[in-house]
Amino acid sequence: MAKSNKIFTNTLRLLALAATVVAIVFMVTSHDSAQVLNLTFTAKYSNTPAFKFLVIGEAIAGGYTVISILLSFKGLFWRLIVILDMVTTVLLTSSISAALAIAQVGKKGNTHAGWLPICGQVPDFCDYVTIALIAGFAAAIIYFVLLLCSLYVVLSPIFVATP
C-alpha cells in the first residue's frame, strides 16, 4: 500500500473517529424536561432503543477506528480491514437509519398512530439529537468512502493489466 494512500485513509479514519465521538457526546447529553398538564416529563436518549442503538453503534465504530488506525501500519491486515470496514459501514448505516426514523416521529409525530410531536415541548433535546444525527450521518458517509478506498487497495492488483 502506498504511503500517500495510508495517509489519506488514516485521515479519513480520524475524521470518522471525530464524527463518532461528536455523535456519542451529543446523543448522551441530550435531555430536556417539559411540563404538560401539571405533569413533568423528561426526554432523554436512553428512553428510546433506537437512540441507544445509535450510541452503541457509534461507540463500536469509534473503537474499531482506533484499532484500524493502529493496524494500518501492518501490511497483513488489509483484507481483514476491508471486511471490518464493510461491517462498520453497515452498522453505522443501520443505527443512523433507526435513529432518524424515531427522530422524524419525535419532530412530526404520527397522526395515524395518535403520536404527537415532542420537539415543540423539548427543543433542547431535539437540537442535541439533530447534531448527533448529523455527526452520525457524516461518520457513515466517511466510512462508505473508506470502504471504497479499502476495496480499491485490495482489488487493484487483480485489475492490473499484464503486458
N, C-alpha and C. Protein backbone atom coordinates (compact mmCIF):
# COMPACT_ATOMS: atom_id res chain seq x y z
N MET A 1 0.84 -1.18 0.00
CA MET A 1 0.00 0.00 0.00
C MET A 1 0.88 1.23 0.00
N ALA A 2 0.55 2.19 -0.84
CA ALA A 2 1.36 3.40 -0.97
C ALA A 2 1.22 4.26 0.28
N LYS A 3 2.28 4.99 0.55
CA LYS A 3 2.29 5.84 1.75
C LYS A 3 1.22 6.93 1.67
N SER A 4 1.02 7.51 0.48
CA SER A 4 0.01 8.56 0.34
C SER A 4 -1.40 8.01 0.58
N ASN A 5 -1.62 6.77 0.17
CA ASN A 5 -2.92 6.15 0.41
C ASN A 5 -3.14 5.88 1.90
N LYS A 6 -2.09 5.47 2.61
CA LYS A 6 -2.19 5.27 4.06
C LYS A 6 -2.52 6.58 4.77
N ILE A 7 -1.86 7.64 4.34
CA ILE A 7 -2.12 8.95 4.96
C ILE A 7 -3.57 9.37 4.71
N PHE A 8 -4.04 9.18 3.47
CA PHE A 8 -5.41 9.54 3.13
C PHE A 8 -6.42 8.74 3.94
N THR A 9 -6.24 7.42 3.99
CA THR A 9 -7.20 6.59 4.73
C THR A 9 -7.13 6.85 6.23
N ASN A 10 -5.95 7.08 6.76
CA ASN A 10 -5.85 7.38 8.19
C ASN A 10 -6.47 8.74 8.51
N THR A 11 -6.36 9.69 7.59
CA THR A 11 -7.02 10.98 7.78
C THR A 11 -8.53 10.80 7.79
N LEU A 12 -9.03 9.99 6.86
CA LEU A 12 -10.47 9.70 6.85
C LEU A 12 -10.90 8.99 8.12
N ARG A 13 -10.07 8.07 8.59
CA ARG A 13 -10.40 7.36 9.83
C ARG A 13 -10.43 8.31 11.03
N LEU A 14 -9.51 9.27 11.07
CA LEU A 14 -9.52 10.25 12.15
C LEU A 14 -10.77 11.13 12.08
N LEU A 15 -11.18 11.50 10.86
CA LEU A 15 -12.42 12.26 10.70
C LEU A 15 -13.63 11.44 11.14
N ALA A 16 -13.63 10.16 10.79
CA ALA A 16 -14.73 9.28 11.21
C ALA A 16 -14.75 9.14 12.73
N LEU A 17 -13.58 9.02 13.32
CA LEU A 17 -13.49 8.93 14.78
C LEU A 17 -14.05 10.20 15.42
N ALA A 18 -13.68 11.35 14.89
CA ALA A 18 -14.19 12.61 15.42
C ALA A 18 -15.72 12.68 15.28
N ALA A 19 -16.24 12.25 14.15
CA ALA A 19 -17.69 12.27 13.94
C ALA A 19 -18.40 11.33 14.90
N THR A 20 -17.84 10.15 15.13
CA THR A 20 -18.48 9.22 16.07
C THR A 20 -18.46 9.76 17.49
N VAL A 21 -17.35 10.38 17.87
CA VAL A 21 -17.26 10.95 19.23
C VAL A 21 -18.27 12.08 19.40
N VAL A 22 -18.39 12.94 18.40
CA VAL A 22 -19.36 14.04 18.47
C VAL A 22 -20.78 13.48 18.57
N ALA A 23 -21.08 12.47 17.76
CA ALA A 23 -22.42 11.87 17.80
C ALA A 23 -22.72 11.27 19.18
N ILE A 24 -21.75 10.58 19.73
CA ILE A 24 -21.96 9.96 21.05
C ILE A 24 -22.15 11.03 22.12
N VAL A 25 -21.28 12.03 22.14
CA VAL A 25 -21.35 13.07 23.18
C VAL A 25 -22.67 13.82 23.11
N PHE A 26 -23.08 14.21 21.91
CA PHE A 26 -24.33 14.97 21.82
C PHE A 26 -25.55 14.10 22.12
N MET A 27 -25.52 12.84 21.71
CA MET A 27 -26.68 11.98 21.98
C MET A 27 -26.78 11.68 23.48
N VAL A 28 -25.65 11.38 24.12
CA VAL A 28 -25.68 11.04 25.55
C VAL A 28 -26.06 12.24 26.40
N THR A 29 -25.69 13.43 25.97
CA THR A 29 -26.01 14.62 26.77
C THR A 29 -27.34 15.25 26.38
N SER A 30 -28.09 14.61 25.50
CA SER A 30 -29.39 15.17 25.09
C SER A 30 -30.45 14.83 26.13
N HIS A 31 -30.96 15.86 26.78
CA HIS A 31 -32.06 15.68 27.72
C HIS A 31 -32.73 17.03 27.91
N ASP A 32 -34.00 16.97 28.16
CA ASP A 32 -34.79 18.18 28.38
C ASP A 32 -36.07 17.77 29.10
N SER A 33 -36.64 18.69 29.83
CA SER A 33 -37.89 18.41 30.55
C SER A 33 -38.95 19.39 30.10
N ALA A 34 -40.19 18.93 30.19
CA ALA A 34 -41.33 19.78 29.86
C ALA A 34 -42.46 19.46 30.81
N GLN A 35 -43.30 20.45 31.01
CA GLN A 35 -44.45 20.25 31.88
C GLN A 35 -45.71 20.38 31.03
N VAL A 36 -46.51 19.31 31.05
CA VAL A 36 -47.75 19.28 30.30
C VAL A 36 -48.86 18.86 31.26
N LEU A 37 -49.87 19.71 31.41
CA LEU A 37 -50.99 19.44 32.31
C LEU A 37 -50.54 19.08 33.73
N ASN A 38 -49.63 19.87 34.26
CA ASN A 38 -49.07 19.68 35.59
C ASN A 38 -48.31 18.37 35.76
N LEU A 39 -47.96 17.74 34.67
CA LEU A 39 -47.12 16.54 34.69
C LEU A 39 -45.79 16.89 34.03
N THR A 40 -44.71 16.54 34.67
CA THR A 40 -43.39 16.80 34.11
C THR A 40 -42.86 15.51 33.48
N PHE A 41 -42.45 15.65 32.24
CA PHE A 41 -41.81 14.50 31.62
C PHE A 41 -40.43 14.92 31.11
N THR A 42 -39.53 13.96 31.13
CA THR A 42 -38.16 14.20 30.71
C THR A 42 -37.87 13.39 29.47
N ALA A 43 -37.32 14.07 28.48
CA ALA A 43 -36.92 13.39 27.25
C ALA A 43 -35.40 13.19 27.32
N LYS A 44 -34.96 11.95 27.17
CA LYS A 44 -33.54 11.66 27.12
C LYS A 44 -33.32 10.49 26.18
N TYR A 45 -32.10 10.38 25.70
CA TYR A 45 -31.81 9.37 24.68
C TYR A 45 -32.07 7.96 25.17
N SER A 46 -31.87 7.70 26.45
CA SER A 46 -32.00 6.34 26.97
C SER A 46 -33.45 5.86 27.03
N ASN A 47 -34.41 6.74 26.76
CA ASN A 47 -35.81 6.35 26.71
C ASN A 47 -36.16 5.64 25.40
N THR A 48 -35.29 5.73 24.42
CA THR A 48 -35.58 5.21 23.09
C THR A 48 -34.54 4.17 22.68
N PRO A 49 -34.95 2.96 22.39
CA PRO A 49 -33.99 1.93 21.99
C PRO A 49 -33.21 2.29 20.71
N ALA A 50 -33.83 3.01 19.80
CA ALA A 50 -33.13 3.38 18.57
C ALA A 50 -31.98 4.35 18.86
N PHE A 51 -32.18 5.24 19.81
CA PHE A 51 -31.10 6.16 20.18
C PHE A 51 -29.99 5.43 20.93
N LYS A 52 -30.37 4.44 21.75
CA LYS A 52 -29.35 3.61 22.40
C LYS A 52 -28.55 2.85 21.36
N PHE A 53 -29.23 2.32 20.35
CA PHE A 53 -28.57 1.60 19.27
C PHE A 53 -27.59 2.51 18.54
N LEU A 54 -27.98 3.78 18.33
CA LEU A 54 -27.08 4.73 17.68
C LEU A 54 -25.82 4.92 18.52
N VAL A 55 -25.98 5.11 19.82
CA VAL A 55 -24.82 5.31 20.70
C VAL A 55 -23.91 4.08 20.69
N ILE A 56 -24.52 2.90 20.79
CA ILE A 56 -23.71 1.67 20.80
C ILE A 56 -23.02 1.48 19.45
N GLY A 57 -23.74 1.70 18.36
CA GLY A 57 -23.14 1.57 17.03
C GLY A 57 -22.00 2.54 16.81
N GLU A 58 -22.18 3.78 17.23
CA GLU A 58 -21.12 4.78 17.09
C GLU A 58 -19.92 4.43 17.97
N ALA A 59 -20.18 3.90 19.17
CA ALA A 59 -19.09 3.51 20.06
C ALA A 59 -18.29 2.35 19.47
N ILE A 60 -18.98 1.36 18.91
CA ILE A 60 -18.29 0.24 18.28
C ILE A 60 -17.47 0.74 17.10
N ALA A 61 -18.05 1.60 16.29
CA ALA A 61 -17.33 2.15 15.13
C ALA A 61 -16.12 2.96 15.57
N GLY A 62 -16.27 3.75 16.63
CA GLY A 62 -15.14 4.53 17.13
C GLY A 62 -14.02 3.66 17.66
N GLY A 63 -14.39 2.62 18.41
CA GLY A 63 -13.38 1.68 18.91
C GLY A 63 -12.67 0.96 17.78
N TYR A 64 -13.45 0.53 16.78
CA TYR A 64 -12.84 -0.13 15.63
C TYR A 64 -11.92 0.82 14.87
N THR A 65 -12.31 2.09 14.80
CA THR A 65 -11.48 3.07 14.09
C THR A 65 -10.11 3.19 14.74
N VAL A 66 -10.08 3.26 16.05
CA VAL A 66 -8.79 3.34 16.76
C VAL A 66 -7.95 2.11 16.46
N ILE A 67 -8.56 0.94 16.54
CA ILE A 67 -7.83 -0.31 16.27
C ILE A 67 -7.35 -0.35 14.82
N SER A 68 -8.19 0.07 13.88
CA SER A 68 -7.79 0.01 12.47
C SER A 68 -6.67 0.99 12.16
N ILE A 69 -6.62 2.12 12.85
CA ILE A 69 -5.50 3.04 12.65
C ILE A 69 -4.21 2.40 13.15
N LEU A 70 -4.28 1.74 14.28
CA LEU A 70 -3.10 1.07 14.81
C LEU A 70 -2.66 -0.08 13.91
N LEU A 71 -3.61 -0.81 13.34
CA LEU A 71 -3.28 -1.95 12.49
C LEU A 71 -2.91 -1.54 11.06
N SER A 72 -3.19 -0.30 10.70
CA SER A 72 -2.92 0.11 9.32
C SER A 72 -1.43 0.11 9.00
N PHE A 73 -0.61 0.09 10.01
CA PHE A 73 0.83 0.05 9.78
C PHE A 73 1.33 -1.37 9.56
N LYS A 74 0.47 -2.33 9.75
CA LYS A 74 0.81 -3.72 9.49
C LYS A 74 0.21 -4.11 8.14
N GLY A 75 1.02 -4.53 7.22
CA GLY A 75 0.57 -4.80 5.86
C GLY A 75 -0.32 -6.02 5.71
N LEU A 76 -0.29 -6.94 6.64
CA LEU A 76 -1.01 -8.20 6.50
C LEU A 76 -2.51 -8.09 6.83
N PHE A 77 -2.94 -7.01 7.42
CA PHE A 77 -4.30 -6.92 7.91
C PHE A 77 -5.27 -6.26 6.94
N TRP A 78 -4.87 -5.92 5.72
CA TRP A 78 -5.74 -5.16 4.84
C TRP A 78 -6.99 -5.91 4.42
N ARG A 79 -6.88 -7.21 4.20
CA ARG A 79 -8.09 -7.96 3.82
C ARG A 79 -9.08 -8.00 4.98
N LEU A 80 -8.59 -8.17 6.18
CA LEU A 80 -9.46 -8.14 7.34
C LEU A 80 -10.08 -6.76 7.52
N ILE A 81 -9.30 -5.73 7.29
CA ILE A 81 -9.79 -4.36 7.44
C ILE A 81 -10.91 -4.07 6.44
N VAL A 82 -10.81 -4.61 5.23
CA VAL A 82 -11.88 -4.41 4.25
C VAL A 82 -13.19 -5.01 4.76
N ILE A 83 -13.12 -6.21 5.29
CA ILE A 83 -14.33 -6.86 5.82
C ILE A 83 -14.88 -6.06 7.00
N LEU A 84 -14.02 -5.65 7.90
CA LEU A 84 -14.49 -4.90 9.06
C LEU A 84 -14.97 -3.50 8.69
N ASP A 85 -14.38 -2.88 7.66
CA ASP A 85 -14.90 -1.60 7.17
C ASP A 85 -16.32 -1.77 6.65
N MET A 86 -16.58 -2.89 5.96
CA MET A 86 -17.92 -3.13 5.46
C MET A 86 -18.90 -3.34 6.61
N VAL A 87 -18.51 -4.12 7.59
CA VAL A 87 -19.38 -4.35 8.75
C VAL A 87 -19.65 -3.03 9.48
N THR A 88 -18.62 -2.22 9.64
CA THR A 88 -18.79 -0.92 10.32
C THR A 88 -19.70 0.00 9.52
N THR A 89 -19.54 0.02 8.21
CA THR A 89 -20.40 0.85 7.37
C THR A 89 -21.86 0.43 7.50
N VAL A 90 -22.10 -0.87 7.49
CA VAL A 90 -23.48 -1.37 7.64
C VAL A 90 -24.02 -1.05 9.03
N LEU A 91 -23.20 -1.22 10.05
CA LEU A 91 -23.62 -0.91 11.42
C LEU A 91 -23.99 0.57 11.56
N LEU A 92 -23.14 1.45 11.04
CA LEU A 92 -23.43 2.88 11.13
C LEU A 92 -24.67 3.24 10.33
N THR A 93 -24.82 2.65 9.16
CA THR A 93 -25.99 2.95 8.33
C THR A 93 -27.28 2.50 9.00
N SER A 94 -27.26 1.31 9.58
CA SER A 94 -28.48 0.82 10.23
C SER A 94 -28.81 1.61 11.49
N SER A 95 -27.80 1.96 12.28
CA SER A 95 -28.07 2.70 13.51
C SER A 95 -28.56 4.12 13.22
N ILE A 96 -27.97 4.76 12.22
CA ILE A 96 -28.42 6.12 11.89
C ILE A 96 -29.82 6.08 11.28
N SER A 97 -30.13 5.03 10.52
CA SER A 97 -31.47 4.91 9.93
C SER A 97 -32.53 4.74 11.01
N ALA A 98 -32.25 3.89 11.98
CA ALA A 98 -33.22 3.68 13.07
C ALA A 98 -33.41 4.97 13.86
N ALA A 99 -32.33 5.65 14.17
CA ALA A 99 -32.43 6.88 14.95
C ALA A 99 -33.13 7.99 14.16
N LEU A 100 -32.88 8.05 12.85
CA LEU A 100 -33.57 9.06 12.02
C LEU A 100 -35.07 8.81 11.98
N ALA A 101 -35.46 7.55 11.93
CA ALA A 101 -36.89 7.24 11.91
C ALA A 101 -37.57 7.70 13.19
N ILE A 102 -36.95 7.44 14.33
CA ILE A 102 -37.54 7.86 15.60
C ILE A 102 -37.51 9.39 15.74
N ALA A 103 -36.43 10.00 15.26
CA ALA A 103 -36.34 11.47 15.32
C ALA A 103 -37.43 12.11 14.47
N GLN A 104 -37.74 11.50 13.35
CA GLN A 104 -38.81 12.02 12.50
C GLN A 104 -40.15 11.95 13.21
N VAL A 105 -40.39 10.86 13.91
CA VAL A 105 -41.63 10.74 14.68
C VAL A 105 -41.65 11.78 15.80
N GLY A 106 -40.51 11.99 16.44
CA GLY A 106 -40.44 12.99 17.50
C GLY A 106 -40.68 14.40 16.98
N LYS A 107 -40.23 14.66 15.78
CA LYS A 107 -40.39 16.00 15.22
C LYS A 107 -41.78 16.24 14.62
N LYS A 108 -42.27 15.27 13.87
CA LYS A 108 -43.53 15.46 13.15
C LYS A 108 -44.71 14.74 13.79
N GLY A 109 -44.42 13.73 14.64
CA GLY A 109 -45.50 12.93 15.19
C GLY A 109 -45.99 11.93 14.16
N ASN A 110 -47.05 11.22 14.50
CA ASN A 110 -47.68 10.28 13.57
C ASN A 110 -49.18 10.34 13.83
N THR A 111 -49.89 11.00 12.94
CA THR A 111 -51.33 11.19 13.15
C THR A 111 -52.09 9.88 13.08
N HIS A 112 -51.62 8.94 12.28
CA HIS A 112 -52.32 7.66 12.16
C HIS A 112 -52.24 6.85 13.46
N ALA A 113 -51.12 6.95 14.16
CA ALA A 113 -50.95 6.22 15.41
C ALA A 113 -51.37 7.06 16.62
N GLY A 114 -51.64 8.34 16.41
CA GLY A 114 -52.01 9.21 17.51
C GLY A 114 -50.83 9.72 18.31
N TRP A 115 -49.63 9.67 17.73
CA TRP A 115 -48.43 10.15 18.42
C TRP A 115 -48.23 11.62 18.10
N LEU A 116 -48.09 12.41 19.14
CA LEU A 116 -47.89 13.84 18.96
C LEU A 116 -46.40 14.16 18.86
N PRO A 117 -46.07 15.20 18.13
CA PRO A 117 -44.65 15.62 18.08
C PRO A 117 -44.23 16.18 19.43
N ILE A 118 -42.96 15.96 19.79
CA ILE A 118 -42.49 16.42 21.10
C ILE A 118 -41.48 17.56 21.01
N CYS A 119 -40.99 17.85 19.81
CA CYS A 119 -39.92 18.84 19.70
C CYS A 119 -40.37 20.25 20.09
N GLY A 120 -41.66 20.51 20.03
CA GLY A 120 -42.16 21.81 20.49
C GLY A 120 -42.04 21.97 21.99
N GLN A 121 -42.12 20.86 22.72
CA GLN A 121 -42.05 20.91 24.18
C GLN A 121 -40.63 20.76 24.72
N VAL A 122 -39.78 20.04 24.00
CA VAL A 122 -38.41 19.80 24.47
C VAL A 122 -37.41 20.16 23.34
N PRO A 123 -37.30 21.43 23.03
CA PRO A 123 -36.45 21.83 21.89
C PRO A 123 -34.96 21.57 22.10
N ASP A 124 -34.47 21.69 23.33
CA ASP A 124 -33.05 21.42 23.57
C ASP A 124 -32.71 19.96 23.28
N PHE A 125 -33.57 19.06 23.70
CA PHE A 125 -33.38 17.65 23.42
C PHE A 125 -33.32 17.42 21.91
N CYS A 126 -34.25 17.97 21.19
CA CYS A 126 -34.30 17.78 19.74
C CYS A 126 -33.09 18.40 19.03
N ASP A 127 -32.62 19.53 19.53
CA ASP A 127 -31.43 20.15 18.93
C ASP A 127 -30.19 19.28 19.11
N TYR A 128 -30.02 18.74 20.29
CA TYR A 128 -28.88 17.85 20.54
C TYR A 128 -28.97 16.58 19.70
N VAL A 129 -30.17 16.03 19.62
CA VAL A 129 -30.36 14.82 18.81
C VAL A 129 -30.06 15.12 17.35
N THR A 130 -30.47 16.28 16.87
CA THR A 130 -30.19 16.66 15.48
C THR A 130 -28.69 16.74 15.21
N ILE A 131 -27.94 17.34 16.12
CA ILE A 131 -26.49 17.42 15.95
C ILE A 131 -25.88 16.02 15.97
N ALA A 132 -26.35 15.17 16.87
CA ALA A 132 -25.84 13.80 16.94
C ALA A 132 -26.15 13.04 15.65
N LEU A 133 -27.33 13.25 15.09
CA LEU A 133 -27.69 12.57 13.85
C LEU A 133 -26.86 13.06 12.67
N ILE A 134 -26.59 14.34 12.62
CA ILE A 134 -25.74 14.89 11.56
C ILE A 134 -24.33 14.31 11.65
N ALA A 135 -23.79 14.26 12.86
CA ALA A 135 -22.45 13.69 13.04
C ALA A 135 -22.44 12.20 12.72
N GLY A 136 -23.47 11.49 13.13
CA GLY A 136 -23.56 10.06 12.81
C GLY A 136 -23.68 9.81 11.32
N PHE A 137 -24.44 10.66 10.65
CA PHE A 137 -24.57 10.54 9.19
C PHE A 137 -23.23 10.82 8.52
N ALA A 138 -22.51 11.82 9.02
CA ALA A 138 -21.17 12.12 8.47
C ALA A 138 -20.24 10.93 8.66
N ALA A 139 -20.28 10.30 9.81
CA ALA A 139 -19.45 9.11 10.07
C ALA A 139 -19.80 7.99 9.10
N ALA A 140 -21.08 7.79 8.83
CA ALA A 140 -21.50 6.75 7.89
C ALA A 140 -20.99 7.04 6.48
N ILE A 141 -21.07 8.29 6.07
CA ILE A 141 -20.57 8.66 4.74
C ILE A 141 -19.06 8.48 4.66
N ILE A 142 -18.35 8.90 5.69
CA ILE A 142 -16.89 8.74 5.70
C ILE A 142 -16.53 7.26 5.64
N TYR A 143 -17.26 6.43 6.37
CA TYR A 143 -16.96 5.00 6.33
C TYR A 143 -17.30 4.38 4.99
N PHE A 144 -18.29 4.91 4.31
CA PHE A 144 -18.58 4.41 2.96
C PHE A 144 -17.42 4.73 2.03
N VAL A 145 -16.88 5.94 2.12
CA VAL A 145 -15.72 6.31 1.32
C VAL A 145 -14.51 5.45 1.70
N LEU A 146 -14.33 5.21 3.00
CA LEU A 146 -13.25 4.33 3.45
C LEU A 146 -13.40 2.92 2.90
N LEU A 147 -14.62 2.42 2.85
CA LEU A 147 -14.87 1.10 2.29
C LEU A 147 -14.47 1.06 0.83
N LEU A 148 -14.83 2.09 0.09
CA LEU A 148 -14.44 2.15 -1.33
C LEU A 148 -12.93 2.20 -1.48
N CYS A 149 -12.26 2.97 -0.63
CA CYS A 149 -10.79 3.04 -0.69
C CYS A 149 -10.16 1.70 -0.33
N SER A 150 -10.68 1.04 0.67
CA SER A 150 -10.15 -0.26 1.08
C SER A 150 -10.36 -1.30 -0.02
N LEU A 151 -11.52 -1.29 -0.63
CA LEU A 151 -11.78 -2.21 -1.74
C LEU A 151 -10.83 -1.95 -2.90
N TYR A 152 -10.57 -0.69 -3.18
CA TYR A 152 -9.65 -0.35 -4.26
C TYR A 152 -8.25 -0.89 -3.97
N VAL A 153 -7.79 -0.72 -2.74
CA VAL A 153 -6.45 -1.18 -2.37
C VAL A 153 -6.34 -2.69 -2.50
N VAL A 154 -7.35 -3.40 -2.06
CA VAL A 154 -7.28 -4.87 -2.09
C VAL A 154 -7.50 -5.41 -3.50
N LEU A 155 -8.38 -4.78 -4.26
CA LEU A 155 -8.71 -5.31 -5.57
C LEU A 155 -7.84 -4.76 -6.70
N SER A 156 -7.07 -3.71 -6.47
CA SER A 156 -6.28 -3.12 -7.56
C SER A 156 -5.27 -4.09 -8.18
N PRO A 157 -4.64 -4.99 -7.43
CA PRO A 157 -3.72 -5.94 -8.10
C PRO A 157 -4.44 -6.87 -9.08
N ILE A 158 -5.72 -7.13 -8.86
CA ILE A 158 -6.48 -8.00 -9.74
C ILE A 158 -6.68 -7.35 -11.10
N PHE A 159 -6.88 -6.03 -11.11
CA PHE A 159 -7.23 -5.34 -12.34
C PHE A 159 -6.03 -4.75 -13.08
N VAL A 160 -4.84 -5.01 -12.60
CA VAL A 160 -3.64 -4.50 -13.27
C VAL A 160 -3.44 -5.31 -14.55
N ALA A 161 -3.27 -4.60 -15.64
CA ALA A 161 -3.08 -5.26 -16.94
C ALA A 161 -1.65 -5.77 -17.03
N THR A 162 -1.52 -7.02 -17.44
CA THR A 162 -0.19 -7.58 -17.62
C THR A 162 0.21 -7.46 -19.08
N PRO A 163 1.45 -7.07 -19.37
CA PRO A 163 1.86 -6.89 -20.78
C PRO A 163 2.03 -8.19 -21.53
